[in-house]
Amino acid sequence: MSVDPDGPGATSGVLQGDIILRWNGEPVPSVNSLVRTLDHHSIGQSVSLGIRRAGADVEAALTIATRPRG
């Protein structure tokens, strides 16, 4: 998947190739389960991400926002 350069992921330091393992400390079993958590009610919420990047585990904080129009 890609990271929109104008989106909240890029603003929070998420990079293309990162694998999201945890969402607010909870395991992310699949992309579909993650996408289901993102709806209009989640906009503005801050979450912590557990990410695997190039074999290392890193943490990132993200504030959910609307997708940039493109």
C-alpha atoms as a PDB file:
ATOM      1  CA  MET A   1       0.000   0.000   0.000  1.00  0.00           C
ATOM      2  CA  SER A   2       1.047   3.589  -0.327  1.00  0.00           C
ATOM      3  CA  VAL A   3       1.089   6.601   1.974  1.00  0.00           C
ATOM      4  CA  ASP A   4      -0.542   9.745   0.603  1.00  0.00           C
ATOM      5  CA  PRO A   5       2.103  12.479   0.907  1.00  0.00           C
ATOM      6  CA  ASP A   6      -0.581  14.966   2.004  1.00  0.00           C
ATOM      7  CA  GLY A   7      -2.401  12.597   4.358  1.00  0.00           C
ATOM      8  CA  PRO A   8      -2.290  12.122   8.123  1.00  0.00           C
ATOM      9  CA  GLY A   9      -0.070   9.037   7.866  1.00  0.00           C
ATOM     10  CA  ALA A  10       2.714  10.931   6.131  1.00  0.00           C
ATOM     11  CA  THR A  11       2.326  13.826   8.573  1.00  0.00           C
ATOM     12  CA  SER A  12       2.821  11.324  11.410  1.00  0.00           C
ATOM     13  CA  GLY A  13       5.908   9.799   9.844  1.00  0.00           C
ATOM     14  CA  VAL A  14       4.365   6.610   8.428  1.00  0.00           C
ATOM     15  CA  LEU A  15       6.360   5.443   5.410  1.00  0.00           C
ATOM     16  CA  GLN A  16       5.483   3.280   2.423  1.00  0.00           C
ATOM     17  CA  GLY A  17       6.458  -0.264   3.344  1.00  0.00           C
ATOM     18  CA  ASP A  18       5.657   0.144   7.049  1.00  0.00           C
ATOM     19  CA  ILE A  19       3.563  -2.669   8.475  1.00  0.00           C
ATOM     20  CA  ILE A  20       1.008  -1.630  11.092  1.00  0.00           C
ATOM     21  CA  LEU A  21       1.062  -4.287  13.803  1.00  0.00           C
ATOM     22  CA  ARG A  22      -0.819  -2.545  16.628  1.00  0.00           C
ATOM     23  CA  TRP A  23      -3.523   0.117  16.841  1.00  0.00           C
ATOM     24  CA  ASN A  24      -3.754   1.678  20.318  1.00  0.00           C
ATOM     25  CA  GLY A  25      -1.931  -1.358  21.661  1.00  0.00           C
ATOM     26  CA  GLU A  26      -4.283  -3.887  20.065  1.00  0.00           C
ATOM     27  CA  PRO A  27      -3.080  -6.288  17.359  1.00  0.00           C
ATOM     28  CA  VAL A  28      -4.170  -5.518  13.782  1.00  0.00           C
ATOM     29  CA  PRO A  29      -5.088  -8.897  12.247  1.00  0.00           C
ATOM     30  CA  SER A  30      -5.678  -7.607   8.707  1.00  0.00           C
ATOM     31  CA  VAL A  31      -5.899  -4.514   6.525  1.00  0.00           C
ATOM     32  CA  ASN A  32      -9.667  -5.006   6.318  1.00  0.00           C
ATOM     33  CA  SER A  33     -10.033  -4.881  10.098  1.00  0.00           C
ATOM     34  CA  LEU A  34      -8.036  -1.642  10.166  1.00  0.00           C
ATOM     35  CA  VAL A  35     -10.084  -0.056   7.380  1.00  0.00           C
ATOM     36  CA  ARG A  36     -13.313  -0.926   9.233  1.00  0.00           C
ATOM     37  CA  THR A  37     -12.152   1.212  12.188  1.00  0.00           C
ATOM     38  CA  LEU A  38     -11.777   4.274   9.953  1.00  0.00           C
ATOM     39  CA  ASP A  39     -15.096   6.017   9.501  1.00  0.00           C
ATOM     40  CA  HIS A  40     -16.373   9.562   9.908  1.00  0.00           C
ATOM     41  CA  HIS A  41     -16.702   8.997  13.683  1.00  0.00           C
ATOM     42  CA  SER A  42     -12.951   8.387  13.993  1.00  0.00           C
ATOM     43  CA  ILE A  43     -11.890  11.727  12.439  1.00  0.00           C
ATOM     44  CA  GLY A  44     -10.002  13.817  14.985  1.00  0.00           C
ATOM     45  CA  GLN A  45      -9.115  10.889  17.250  1.00  0.00           C
ATOM     46  CA  SER A  46      -5.476  10.346  18.173  1.00  0.00           C
ATOM     47  CA  VAL A  47      -4.107   6.811  18.063  1.00  0.00           C
ATOM     48  CA  SER A  48      -0.788   5.137  18.693  1.00  0.00           C
ATOM     49  CA  LEU A  49       0.583   2.816  16.046  1.00  0.00           C
ATOM     50  CA  GLY A  50       2.981  -0.058  16.501  1.00  0.00           C
ATOM     51  CA  ILE A  51       4.849  -0.348  13.214  1.00  0.00           C
ATOM     52  CA  ARG A  52       7.407  -2.752  11.779  1.00  0.00           C
ATOM     53  CA  ARG A  53       9.865  -0.815   9.633  1.00  0.00           C
ATOM     54  CA  ALA A  54      12.812  -2.532   7.968  1.00  0.00           C
ATOM     55  CA  GLY A  55      12.761  -5.266  10.619  1.00  0.00           C
ATOM     56  CA  ALA A  56      12.610  -2.878  13.587  1.00  0.00           C
ATOM     57  CA  ASP A  57       9.572  -2.046  15.705  1.00  0.00           C
ATOM     58  CA  VAL A  58       8.767   1.672  15.980  1.00  0.00           C
ATOM     59  CA  GLU A  59       5.924   3.667  17.499  1.00  0.00           C
ATOM     60  CA  ALA A  60       4.065   6.553  15.860  1.00  0.00           C
ATOM     61  CA  ALA A  61       1.287   8.846  17.016  1.00  0.00           C
ATOM     62  CA  LEU A  62      -1.375   9.703  14.452  1.00  0.00           C
ATOM     63  CA  THR A  63      -4.435  11.927  14.419  1.00  0.00           C
ATOM     64  CA  ILE A  64      -7.087  10.549  12.098  1.00  0.00           C
ATOM     65  CA  ALA A  65      -8.175  13.027   9.420  1.00  0.00           C
ATOM     66  CA  THR A  66     -10.161  13.003   6.218  1.00  0.00           C
ATOM     67  CA  ARG A  67      -8.444  11.795   3.087  1.00  0.00           C
ATOM     68  CA  PRO A  68      -7.025  14.554   0.943  1.00  0.00           C
ATOM     69  CA  ARG A  69      -9.001  15.018  -2.237  1.00  0.00           C
ATOM     70  CA  GLY A  70      -7.059  14.207  -5.333  1.00  0.00           C
END
